[in-house]
C-alpha atoms as a PDB file:
ATOM      1  CA  MET A   1      26.269 -36.814   9.654  1.00  0.00           C
ATOM      2  CA  LEU A   2      24.221 -33.749  10.981  1.00  0.00           C
ATOM      3  CA  LEU A   3      24.225 -30.553   8.812  1.00  0.00           C
ATOM      4  CA  ARG A   4      25.945 -27.684  10.509  1.00  0.00           C
ATOM      5  CA  VAL A   5      23.781 -24.529  10.425  1.00  0.00           C
ATOM      6  CA  PHE A   6      25.523 -21.369  11.700  1.00  0.00           C
ATOM      7  CA  VAL A   7      23.125 -18.560  12.814  1.00  0.00           C
ATOM      8  CA  ASP A   8      25.330 -15.334  12.687  1.00  0.00           C
ATOM      9  CA  GLY A   9      23.593 -12.646  14.714  1.00  0.00           C
ATOM     10  CA  ARG A  10      21.812 -14.857  17.230  1.00  0.00           C
ATOM     11  CA  THR A  11      21.167 -12.004  19.758  1.00  0.00           C
ATOM     12  CA  GLY A  12      18.736 -10.035  17.536  1.00  0.00           C
ATOM     13  CA  THR A  13      15.017 -10.703  17.244  1.00  0.00           C
ATOM     14  CA  THR A  14      15.235 -12.584  13.941  1.00  0.00           C
ATOM     15  CA  GLY A  15      18.193 -14.793  15.098  1.00  0.00           C
ATOM     16  CA  LEU A  16      16.481 -15.648  18.302  1.00  0.00           C
ATOM     17  CA  GLN A  17      13.350 -16.658  16.629  1.00  0.00           C
ATOM     18  CA  ILE A  18      15.224 -18.821  14.083  1.00  0.00           C
ATOM     19  CA  LEU A  19      17.013 -20.577  16.855  1.00  0.00           C
ATOM     20  CA  GLU A  20      13.750 -21.172  18.671  1.00  0.00           C
ATOM     21  CA  ARG A  21      12.301 -22.907  15.543  1.00  0.00           C
ATOM     22  CA  LEU A  22      15.460 -25.044  15.171  1.00  0.00           C
ATOM     23  CA  LYS A  23      16.351 -25.996  18.621  1.00  0.00           C
ATOM     24  CA  ASP A  24      14.635 -29.386  18.646  1.00  0.00           C
ATOM     25  CA  ARG A  25      15.684 -30.496  15.230  1.00  0.00           C
ATOM     26  CA  LYS A  26      17.403 -33.841  15.180  1.00  0.00           C
ATOM     27  CA  ASP A  27      18.768 -33.356  11.614  1.00  0.00           C
ATOM     28  CA  LEU A  28      20.837 -30.238  12.338  1.00  0.00           C
ATOM     29  CA  ALA A  29      23.699 -29.157  14.436  1.00  0.00           C
ATOM     30  CA  LEU A  30      23.271 -25.522  15.371  1.00  0.00           C
ATOM     31  CA  VAL A  31      26.359 -23.418  15.666  1.00  0.00           C
ATOM     32  CA  THR A  32      26.635 -19.930  17.240  1.00  0.00           C
ATOM     33  CA  LEU A  33      29.504 -17.751  18.048  1.00  0.00           C
ATOM     34  CA  PRO A  34      30.399 -17.638  21.723  1.00  0.00           C
ATOM     35  CA  GLU A  35      29.775 -14.311  23.218  1.00  0.00           C
ATOM     36  CA  ALA A  36      33.421 -13.687  24.055  1.00  0.00           C
ATOM     37  CA  VAL A  37      34.601 -13.879  20.400  1.00  0.00           C
ATOM     38  CA  ARG A  38      31.466 -12.871  18.393  1.00  0.00           C
ATOM     39  CA  LYS A  39      33.010  -9.579  17.395  1.00  0.00           C
ATOM     40  CA  ARG A  40      36.260 -10.973  16.144  1.00  0.00           C
ATOM     41  CA  PRO A  41      36.426 -11.070  12.377  1.00  0.00           C
ATOM     42  CA  ALA A  42      38.813 -14.062  12.222  1.00  0.00           C
ATOM     43  CA  GLU A  43      36.518 -16.078  14.605  1.00  0.00           C
ATOM     44  CA  ARG A  44      33.455 -15.275  12.483  1.00  0.00           C
ATOM     45  CA  GLU A  45      35.320 -16.141   9.238  1.00  0.00           C
ATOM     46  CA  GLY A  46      36.248 -19.503  10.590  1.00  0.00           C
ATOM     47  CA  PHE A  47      32.652 -20.369  11.617  1.00  0.00           C
ATOM     48  CA  LEU A  48      31.263 -19.038   8.317  1.00  0.00           C
ATOM     49  CA  ASN A  49      33.573 -21.326   6.340  1.00  0.00           C
ATOM     50  CA  SER A  50      33.116 -24.497   8.392  1.00  0.00           C
ATOM     51  CA  CYS A  51      29.379 -24.769   8.217  1.00  0.00           C
ATOM     52  CA  ASP A  52      26.956 -26.182   5.667  1.00  0.00           C
ATOM     53  CA  VAL A  53      24.492 -23.289   5.729  1.00  0.00           C
ATOM     54  CA  ALA A  54      24.977 -19.862   7.247  1.00  0.00           C
ATOM     55  CA  ILE A  55      21.889 -17.817   8.236  1.00  0.00           C
ATOM     56  CA  LEU A  56      22.849 -14.213   8.480  1.00  0.00           C
ATOM     57  CA  CYS A  57      20.806 -12.095  10.890  1.00  0.00           C
ATOM     58  CA  LEU A  58      22.887  -8.911  10.738  1.00  0.00           C
ATOM     59  CA  PRO A  59      22.689  -5.347   9.637  1.00  0.00           C
ATOM     60  CA  ASP A  60      23.133  -4.721   5.903  1.00  0.00           C
ATOM     61  CA  ASP A  61      26.789  -3.785   5.982  1.00  0.00           C
ATOM     62  CA  ALA A  62      27.684  -6.653   8.293  1.00  0.00           C
ATOM     63  CA  ALA A  63      25.804  -9.094   6.117  1.00  0.00           C
ATOM     64  CA  ARG A  64      27.905  -7.919   3.160  1.00  0.00           C
ATOM     65  CA  GLU A  65      31.058  -8.266   5.057  1.00  0.00           C
ATOM     66  CA  ALA A  66      30.072 -11.790   6.157  1.00  0.00           C
ATOM     67  CA  VAL A  67      29.336 -12.879   2.586  1.00  0.00           C
ATOM     68  CA  ALA A  68      32.842 -11.667   1.520  1.00  0.00           C
ATOM     69  CA  MET A  69      34.365 -13.763   4.237  1.00  0.00           C
ATOM     70  CA  VAL A  70      32.923 -17.005   2.755  1.00  0.00           C
ATOM     71  CA  LYS A  71      35.647 -18.654   0.700  1.00  0.00           C
ATOM     72  CA  ASN A  72      34.442 -22.212   1.017  1.00  0.00           C
ATOM     73  CA  PRO A  73      32.278 -22.940  -2.162  1.00  0.00           C
ATOM     74  CA  GLU A  74      30.278 -25.519  -0.257  1.00  0.00           C
ATOM     75  CA  VAL A  75      28.772 -23.082   2.185  1.00  0.00           C
ATOM     76  CA  ARG A  76      25.210 -21.897   1.355  1.00  0.00           C
ATOM     77  CA  ILE A  77      23.827 -18.683   2.696  1.00  0.00           C
ATOM     78  CA  ILE A  78      20.471 -17.373   3.745  1.00  0.00           C
ATOM     79  CA  ASP A  79      20.622 -13.636   4.327  1.00  0.00           C
ATOM     80  CA  ALA A  80      17.812 -12.150   6.402  1.00  0.00           C
ATOM     81  CA  SER A  81      19.053  -8.578   5.849  1.00  0.00           C
ATOM     82  CA  THR A  82      18.039  -6.122   3.121  1.00  0.00           C
ATOM     83  CA  ALA A  83      21.475  -6.351   1.368  1.00  0.00           C
ATOM     84  CA  HIS A  84      20.884  -8.922  -1.213  1.00  0.00           C
ATOM     85  CA  ARG A  85      17.144  -8.974  -1.918  1.00  0.00           C
ATOM     86  CA  THR A  86      17.474  -7.618  -5.457  1.00  0.00           C
ATOM     87  CA  ALA A  87      21.222  -8.637  -5.999  1.00  0.00           C
ATOM     88  CA  PRO A  88      22.298 -10.592  -9.035  1.00  0.00           C
ATOM     89  CA  GLY A  89      23.141 -14.267  -8.057  1.00  0.00           C
ATOM     90  CA  TRP A  90      20.743 -14.332  -5.160  1.00  0.00           C
ATOM     91  CA  VAL A  91      17.327 -16.121  -5.117  1.00  0.00           C
ATOM     92  CA  TYR A  92      14.436 -14.415  -3.531  1.00  0.00           C
ATOM     93  CA  GLY A  93      13.217 -16.565  -0.612  1.00  0.00           C
ATOM     94  CA  MET A  94       9.527 -16.876  -1.362  1.00  0.00           C
ATOM     95  CA  PRO A  95       8.808 -20.433  -2.492  1.00  0.00           C
ATOM     96  CA  GLU A  96       5.211 -19.646  -3.241  1.00  0.00           C
ATOM     97  CA  LEU A  97       6.209 -17.616  -6.388  1.00  0.00           C
ATOM     98  CA  GLY A  98       5.904 -20.762  -8.291  1.00  0.00           C
ATOM     99  CA  PRO A  99       7.190 -24.371  -8.718  1.00  0.00           C
ATOM    100  CA  GLU A 100      10.249 -23.224 -10.607  1.00  0.00           C
ATOM    101  CA  HIS A 101      11.107 -20.656  -8.072  1.00  0.00           C
ATOM    102  CA  ARG A 102      10.665 -23.233  -5.361  1.00  0.00           C
ATOM    103  CA  LYS A 103      13.194 -25.367  -7.213  1.00  0.00           C
ATOM    104  CA  GLU A 104      15.571 -22.426  -7.548  1.00  0.00           C
ATOM    105  CA  ILE A 105      15.557 -21.978  -3.783  1.00  0.00           C
ATOM    106  CA  ALA A 106      16.128 -25.641  -3.110  1.00  0.00           C
ATOM    107  CA  GLU A 107      19.154 -25.569  -5.393  1.00  0.00           C
ATOM    108  CA  ALA A 108      20.518 -22.185  -4.519  1.00  0.00           C
ATOM    109  CA  ALA A 109      23.888 -21.256  -2.833  1.00  0.00           C
ATOM    110  CA  ARG A 110      22.618 -17.788  -1.947  1.00  0.00           C
ATOM    111  CA  VAL A 111      19.033 -17.053  -0.810  1.00  0.00           C
ATOM    112  CA  ALA A 112      17.754 -13.577   0.320  1.00  0.00           C
ATOM    113  CA  ASN A 113      15.010 -13.683   2.879  1.00  0.00           C
ATOM    114  CA  PRO A 114      12.123 -11.332   2.038  1.00  0.00           C
ATOM    115  CA  GLY A 115      11.312  -8.162   4.005  1.00  0.00           C
ATOM    116  CA  CYS A 116       8.174  -8.393   6.222  1.00  0.00           C
ATOM    117  CA  HIS A 117       6.083  -5.785   4.428  1.00  0.00           C
ATOM    118  CA  ALA A 118       7.391  -6.830   1.140  1.00  0.00           C
ATOM    119  CA  SER A 119       6.294 -10.568   1.793  1.00  0.00           C
ATOM    120  CA  GLY A 120       2.639  -9.493   1.953  1.00  0.00           C
ATOM    121  CA  PHE A 121       2.832  -7.117  -0.984  1.00  0.00           C
ATOM    122  CA  VAL A 122       4.718  -9.596  -3.259  1.00  0.00           C
ATOM    123  CA  ALA A 123       2.293 -12.364  -2.284  1.00  0.00           C
ATOM    124  CA  LEU A 124      -0.688 -10.011  -3.306  1.00  0.00           C
ATOM    125  CA  THR A 125       0.745  -8.636  -6.505  1.00  0.00           C
ATOM    126  CA  ALA A 126       2.814 -11.412  -8.078  1.00  0.00           C
ATOM    127  CA  PRO A 127      -0.215 -13.774  -9.121  1.00  0.00           C
ATOM    128  CA  LEU A 128      -2.085 -10.752 -10.555  1.00  0.00           C
ATOM    129  CA  ILE A 129       0.745  -9.678 -12.694  1.00  0.00           C
ATOM    130  CA  ARG A 130       1.568 -13.236 -13.691  1.00  0.00           C
ATOM    131  CA  GLU A 131      -2.096 -13.783 -14.864  1.00  0.00           C
ATOM    132  CA  GLY A 132      -2.164 -10.454 -16.632  1.00  0.00           C
ATOM    133  CA  LEU A 133      -4.865  -9.011 -14.326  1.00  0.00           C
ATOM    134  CA  ILE A 134      -2.844  -5.903 -13.561  1.00  0.00           C
ATOM    135  CA  ALA A 135      -0.269  -4.428 -16.019  1.00  0.00           C
ATOM    136  CA  ARG A 136       3.369  -3.912 -14.923  1.00  0.00           C
ATOM    137  CA  ASP A 137       3.141  -0.248 -15.054  1.00  0.00           C
ATOM    138  CA  THR A 138      -0.103  -0.034 -12.966  1.00  0.00           C
ATOM    139  CA  LEU A 139       0.038   2.730 -10.301  1.00  0.00           C
ATOM    140  CA  LEU A 140      -0.422   0.894  -7.035  1.00  0.00           C
ATOM    141  CA  SER A 141      -0.547   1.812  -3.446  1.00  0.00           C
ATOM    142  CA  CYS A 142      -0.006  -0.374  -0.333  1.00  0.00           C
ATOM    143  CA  HIS A 143      -0.972   0.213   3.365  1.00  0.00           C
ATOM    144  CA  SER A 144       0.769  -2.141   5.865  1.00  0.00           C
ATOM    145  CA  ILE A 145       0.525  -2.293   9.596  1.00  0.00           C
ATOM    146  CA  THR A 146       2.974  -4.007  11.786  1.00  0.00           C
ATOM    147  CA  GLY A 147       3.700  -4.814  15.346  1.00  0.00           C
ATOM    148  CA  TYR A 148       6.604  -3.016  17.006  1.00  0.00           C
ATOM    149  CA  SER A 149       8.856  -6.049  17.163  1.00  0.00           C
ATOM    150  CA  GLY A 150       9.597  -5.388  13.488  1.00  0.00           C
ATOM    151  CA  GLY A 151      11.739  -2.487  14.590  1.00  0.00           C
ATOM    152  CA  GLY A 152      14.166  -4.777  16.359  1.00  0.00           C
ATOM    153  CA  LYS A 153      15.613  -4.606  19.954  1.00  0.00           C
ATOM    154  CA  GLN A 154      15.743  -0.873  20.328  1.00  0.00           C
ATOM    155  CA  MET A 155      12.164  -0.293  19.187  1.00  0.00           C
ATOM    156  CA  ILE A 156      10.949  -3.135  21.406  1.00  0.00           C
ATOM    157  CA  ALA A 157      12.769  -1.549  24.464  1.00  0.00           C
ATOM    158  CA  GLU A 158      11.114   1.790  23.726  1.00  0.00           C
ATOM    159  CA  TYR A 159       7.680   0.298  23.482  1.00  0.00           C
ATOM    160  CA  GLU A 160       8.130  -1.865  26.625  1.00  0.00           C
ATOM    161  CA  ALA A 161       9.792   0.721  28.771  1.00  0.00           C
ATOM    162  CA  PRO A 162       8.123   1.336  32.211  1.00  0.00           C
ATOM    163  CA  VAL A 163       7.796   4.960  31.180  1.00  0.00           C
ATOM    164  CA  ARG A 164       7.228   5.634  27.532  1.00  0.00           C
ATOM    165  CA  ASP A 165       6.401   8.573  25.163  1.00  0.00           C
ATOM    166  CA  PHE A 166       2.559   8.793  25.022  1.00  0.00           C
ATOM    167  CA  ARG A 167       2.848   8.930  21.273  1.00  0.00           C
ATOM    168  CA  LEU A 168       3.839   5.255  21.257  1.00  0.00           C
ATOM    169  CA  GLY A 169       0.275   4.371  22.357  1.00  0.00           C
ATOM    170  CA  SER A 170      -0.940   5.395  18.787  1.00  0.00           C
ATOM    171  CA  PRO A 171      -0.325   3.870  15.395  1.00  0.00           C
ATOM    172  CA  ARG A 172       2.502   5.706  13.745  1.00  0.00           C
ATOM    173  CA  LEU A 173       3.063   6.128  10.032  1.00  0.00           C
ATOM    174  CA  TYR A 174       6.671   6.057   8.976  1.00  0.00           C
ATOM    175  CA  GLY A 175       8.657   5.675   5.727  1.00  0.00           C
ATOM    176  CA  LEU A 176       7.334   9.209   5.007  1.00  0.00           C
ATOM    177  CA  THR A 177       9.911  10.056   2.317  1.00  0.00           C
ATOM    178  CA  GLN A 178       8.747   7.167   0.098  1.00  0.00           C
ATOM    179  CA  ALA A 179      12.224   5.641   0.278  1.00  0.00           C
ATOM    180  CA  HIS A 180      11.616   2.623   2.436  1.00  0.00           C
ATOM    181  CA  LYS A 181      14.158  -0.068   2.173  1.00  0.00           C
ATOM    182  CA  HIS A 182      11.481  -2.741   1.103  1.00  0.00           C
ATOM    183  CA  LEU A 183      10.568  -0.715  -1.945  1.00  0.00           C
ATOM    184  CA  PRO A 184      13.150  -2.151  -4.345  1.00  0.00           C
ATOM    185  CA  GLU A 185      12.030  -5.729  -3.775  1.00  0.00           C
ATOM    186  CA  MET A 186       8.356  -4.707  -3.804  1.00  0.00           C
ATOM    187  CA  THR A 187       8.911  -3.352  -7.250  1.00  0.00           C
ATOM    188  CA  LYS A 188      11.345  -5.906  -8.754  1.00  0.00           C
ATOM    189  CA  ILE A 189      10.179  -9.207  -7.446  1.00  0.00           C
ATOM    190  CA  PRO A 190       6.498  -9.101  -8.598  1.00  0.00           C
ATOM    191  CA  GLY A 191       7.681  -7.498 -11.855  1.00  0.00           C
ATOM    192  CA  LEU A 192       6.455  -3.906 -11.533  1.00  0.00           C
ATOM    193  CA  SER A 193       8.029  -1.153 -13.686  1.00  0.00           C
ATOM    194  CA  ILE A 194       6.847   1.616 -11.199  1.00  0.00           C
ATOM    195  CA  SER A 195       7.248   1.548  -7.445  1.00  0.00           C
ATOM    196  CA  PRO A 196       4.046   1.585  -5.484  1.00  0.00           C
ATOM    197  CA  ILE A 197       3.068   4.335  -2.954  1.00  0.00           C
ATOM    198  CA  PHE A 198       3.919   2.629   0.283  1.00  0.00           C
ATOM    199  CA  CYS A 199       2.419   3.557   3.721  1.00  0.00           C
ATOM    200  CA  PRO A 200       3.814   1.433   6.547  1.00  0.00           C
ATOM    201  CA  VAL A 201       2.437   1.832  10.046  1.00  0.00           C
ATOM    202  CA  VAL A 202       3.894   0.566  13.299  1.00  0.00           C
ATOM    203  CA  ALA A 203       1.295   0.013  16.124  1.00  0.00           C
ATOM    204  CA  PRO A 204       1.407  -0.683  19.905  1.00  0.00           C
ATOM    205  CA  PHE A 205       1.159  -4.535  19.646  1.00  0.00           C
ATOM    206  CA  TYR A 206       4.174  -6.774  19.751  1.00  0.00           C
ATOM    207  CA  SER A 207       3.775  -8.866  16.431  1.00  0.00           C
ATOM    208  CA  GLY A 208       1.424  -9.423  13.519  1.00  0.00           C
ATOM    209  CA  MET A 209       1.074  -7.776  10.200  1.00  0.00           C
ATOM    210  CA  LEU A 210      -1.732  -6.756   7.788  1.00  0.00           C
ATOM    211  CA  VAL A 211      -0.632  -5.730   4.248  1.00  0.00           C
ATOM    212  CA  THR A 212      -3.455  -4.270   2.009  1.00  0.00           C
ATOM    213  CA  LEU A 213      -3.583  -3.651  -1.733  1.00  0.00           C
ATOM    214  CA  PRO A 214      -6.556  -1.458  -2.760  1.00  0.00           C
ATOM    215  CA  LEU A 215      -7.705  -1.882  -6.372  1.00  0.00           C
ATOM    216  CA  HIS A 216     -10.222  -0.031  -8.614  1.00  0.00           C
ATOM    217  CA  LYS A 217     -11.804  -1.671 -11.580  1.00  0.00           C
ATOM    218  CA  ALA A 218      -9.805   0.811 -13.881  1.00  0.00           C
ATOM    219  CA  GLN A 219      -6.628  -0.964 -12.680  1.00  0.00           C
ATOM    220  CA  LEU A 220      -7.850  -4.447 -13.310  1.00  0.00           C
ATOM    221  CA  ARG A 221      -8.489  -6.747 -16.308  1.00  0.00           C
ATOM    222  CA  GLY A 222     -11.418  -8.695 -14.794  1.00  0.00           C
ATOM    223  CA  GLY A 223     -13.563  -8.486 -11.628  1.00  0.00           C
ATOM    224  CA  ILE A 224     -13.343  -9.625  -8.005  1.00  0.00           C
ATOM    225  CA  ASP A 225     -14.062 -13.261  -8.832  1.00  0.00           C
ATOM    226  CA  THR A 226     -11.133 -13.386 -11.276  1.00  0.00           C
ATOM    227  CA  VAL A 227      -8.850 -11.933  -8.515  1.00  0.00           C
ATOM    228  CA  ARG A 228     -10.060 -14.511  -6.069  1.00  0.00           C
ATOM    229  CA  GLU A 229      -9.568 -17.302  -8.547  1.00  0.00           C
ATOM    230  CA  ALA A 230      -6.013 -16.245  -9.170  1.00  0.00           C
ATOM    231  CA  TYR A 231      -5.224 -16.308  -5.451  1.00  0.00           C
ATOM    232  CA  LYS A 232      -6.918 -19.745  -5.012  1.00  0.00           C
ATOM    233  CA  ASN A 233      -4.834 -21.153  -7.727  1.00  0.00           C
ATOM    234  CA  ALA A 234      -1.586 -19.584  -6.408  1.00  0.00           C
ATOM    235  CA  TYR A 235      -1.974 -20.278  -2.753  1.00  0.00           C
ATOM    236  CA  SER A 236      -3.287 -23.635  -1.666  1.00  0.00           C
ATOM    237  CA  GLY A 237      -0.190 -24.837   0.190  1.00  0.00           C
ATOM    238  CA  ALA A 238       0.416 -25.119   3.974  1.00  0.00           C
ATOM    239  CA  VAL A 239       2.201 -21.755   4.443  1.00  0.00           C
ATOM    240  CA  ILE A 240       0.357 -19.324   2.291  1.00  0.00           C
ATOM    241  CA  ARG A 241      -3.301 -20.072   1.655  1.00  0.00           C
ATOM    242  CA  TYR A 242      -6.307 -18.166   0.233  1.00  0.00           C
ATOM    243  CA  VAL A 243      -9.033 -17.865   2.846  1.00  0.00           C
ATOM    244  CA  GLU A 244     -12.670 -16.738   2.210  1.00  0.00           C
ATOM    245  CA  LYS A 245     -14.216 -14.340   4.825  1.00  0.00           C
ATOM    246  CA  ALA A 246     -11.076 -13.974   6.839  1.00  0.00           C
ATOM    247  CA  ASP A 247     -12.615 -11.040   8.761  1.00  0.00           C
ATOM    248  CA  GLU A 248     -13.981 -10.968  12.249  1.00  0.00           C
ATOM    249  CA  SER A 249     -17.430  -9.551  11.917  1.00  0.00           C
ATOM    250  CA  GLY A 250     -16.419  -6.839   9.551  1.00  0.00           C
ATOM    251  CA  PHE A 251     -12.948  -6.200  11.109  1.00  0.00           C
ATOM    252  CA  MET A 252      -9.504  -7.701  10.541  1.00  0.00           C
ATOM    253  CA  ALA A 253      -6.975  -7.766  13.415  1.00  0.00           C
ATOM    254  CA  ALA A 254      -3.389  -7.393  12.271  1.00  0.00           C
ATOM    255  CA  ASN A 255      -2.183  -9.599  15.178  1.00  0.00           C
ATOM    256  CA  ALA A 256      -4.540 -12.557  14.632  1.00  0.00           C
ATOM    257  CA  LEU A 257      -1.751 -14.751  13.260  1.00  0.00           C
ATOM    258  CA  ALA A 258       0.816 -13.656  15.750  1.00  0.00           C
ATOM    259  CA  GLY A 259       2.972 -16.686  16.873  1.00  0.00           C
ATOM    260  CA  THR A 260       2.462 -18.611  13.582  1.00  0.00           C
ATOM    261  CA  ASP A 261       4.355 -18.972  10.344  1.00  0.00           C
ATOM    262  CA  ARG A 262       1.559 -18.907   7.866  1.00  0.00           C
ATOM    263  CA  MET A 263      -0.031 -16.307   5.779  1.00  0.00           C
ATOM    264  CA  GLU A 264      -3.660 -15.790   4.836  1.00  0.00           C
ATOM    265  CA  ILE A 265      -4.666 -14.051   1.731  1.00  0.00           C
ATOM    266  CA  THR A 266      -8.253 -12.680   1.237  1.00  0.00           C
ATOM    267  CA  VAL A 267     -10.194 -10.212  -0.811  1.00  0.00           C
ATOM    268  CA  PHE A 268     -13.057  -7.904   0.136  1.00  0.00           C
ATOM    269  CA  GLY A 269     -15.320  -5.599  -2.001  1.00  0.00           C
ATOM    270  CA  ASP A 270     -16.922  -5.896  -5.386  1.00  0.00           C
ATOM    271  CA  ASP A 271     -16.119  -5.405  -9.102  1.00  0.00           C
ATOM    272  CA  GLU A 272     -15.927  -1.725  -8.643  1.00  0.00           C
ATOM    273  CA  ARG A 273     -13.527  -1.514  -5.816  1.00  0.00           C
ATOM    274  CA  MET A 274     -11.806  -4.133  -3.714  1.00  0.00           C
ATOM    275  CA  VAL A 275      -9.121  -4.636  -1.085  1.00  0.00           C
ATOM    276  CA  CYS A 276      -6.739  -7.512  -1.182  1.00  0.00           C
ATOM    277  CA  ALA A 277      -5.234  -8.349   2.147  1.00  0.00           C
ATOM    278  CA  ALA A 278      -2.329 -10.479   3.404  1.00  0.00           C
ATOM    279  CA  ARG A 279      -2.262 -11.262   7.102  1.00  0.00           C
ATOM    280  CA  PHE A 280       0.653 -13.008   8.879  1.00  0.00           C
ATOM    281  CA  ASP A 281       3.206 -12.559  11.655  1.00  0.00           C
ATOM    282  CA  ASN A 282       6.079 -10.116  10.804  1.00  0.00           C
ATOM    283  CA  LEU A 283       8.275 -12.392  12.924  1.00  0.00           C
ATOM    284  CA  GLY A 284       7.009 -15.521  11.217  1.00  0.00           C
ATOM    285  CA  LYS A 285       6.400 -15.648   7.496  1.00  0.00           C
ATOM    286  CA  GLY A 286       7.669 -12.134   7.538  1.00  0.00           C
ATOM    287  CA  ALA A 287      11.211 -13.040   8.940  1.00  0.00           C
ATOM    288  CA  SER A 288      12.305 -16.147  10.805  1.00  0.00           C
ATOM    289  CA  GLY A 289       9.668 -18.497   9.701  1.00  0.00           C
ATOM    290  CA  SER A 290      10.488 -17.700   6.115  1.00  0.00           C
ATOM    291  CA  ALA A 291      14.232 -18.315   6.645  1.00  0.00           C
ATOM    292  CA  VAL A 292      13.512 -21.653   8.149  1.00  0.00           C
ATOM    293  CA  GLN A 293      11.017 -22.583   5.333  1.00  0.00           C
ATOM    294  CA  CYS A 294      13.820 -21.805   2.773  1.00  0.00           C
ATOM    295  CA  LEU A 295      16.469 -23.750   4.895  1.00  0.00           C
ATOM    296  CA  ASN A 296      14.262 -26.772   4.861  1.00  0.00           C
ATOM    297  CA  LEU A 297      13.947 -26.590   0.989  1.00  0.00           C
ATOM    298  CA  MET A 298      17.617 -26.167   0.611  1.00  0.00           C
ATOM    299  CA  ILE A 299      18.592 -29.275   2.646  1.00  0.00           C
ATOM    300  CA  GLY A 300      15.736 -31.437   1.436  1.00  0.00           C
ATOM    301  CA  ALA A 301      13.791 -31.420   4.641  1.00  0.00           C
ATOM    302  CA  ASP A 302       9.967 -31.228   4.968  1.00  0.00           C
ATOM    303  CA  GLU A 303       9.201 -27.632   4.000  1.00  0.00           C
ATOM    304  CA  THR A 304       7.211 -27.024   7.179  1.00  0.00           C
ATOM    305  CA  ALA A 305       9.597 -28.586   9.676  1.00  0.00           C
ATOM    306  CA  GLY A 306       9.959 -26.523  12.743  1.00  0.00           C
ATOM    307  CA  LEU A 307       7.219 -24.095  11.692  1.00  0.00           C
ATOM    308  CA  VAL A 308       4.004 -23.281  13.465  1.00  0.00           C
ATOM    309  CA  ILE A 309       1.210 -23.700  10.908  1.00  0.00           C
END
């Protein structure tokens, strides 16, 4: 019998990308709300309680409402919103945090899909904290650049309009109040006791992401080779991998992995100063690809099924 997967919020960017990755699967029966009834609570509740796995691609409040509608204890949920990423009872959807964490995802009833910027920051910091190379109270900063598709349908429309504000042709810093919605998970998940200074930038390309973590020797216990070794040990799988010399003749293009579901981790610099970098697609490992990876683990399928690696 095919597993029924209900994608709630199929008209948004994340939902559409998830459906694209799942459309040719022979082990799943995809379920979506018909357009005529998708805003009726009773219809949504029926779909949510009659599936095996519900993937929520909804705004935060709508995601919370959807979770509250689920009365069937057999229904498992993957939430792609921000609503449950640090909530009790939810497993953070990054299998690469370790073998035990991968097992937790596989057995979980509730999985919170990571945020795009947070995926890169957590991937960069978690191994260093776990290995004791940086202390939990280290004062860190993070610079992250993303394609405009990360802003959803409205931002995509703004960037792709026939006539647009000239300022959209320039990279734009945002999250200026240091209250970005990804900060709670960027602090809690890797085990930091102090939130980093976070500088997200949206740029005039469709998709792709480059997250950087600058480190000075005063912040580290060890040198650059120790950091590289920690990443090599942590990331040798199919989805996240450590890569030597990931630059293009001294440059790193943030959109180089657009259209894929993998992430590359690399380190530049020396023992005095270094930059750790995570490059991936904000729509791939930063959103839809991550959700499909978690779905695969939860149903016992090949972890990379449907992914572009």
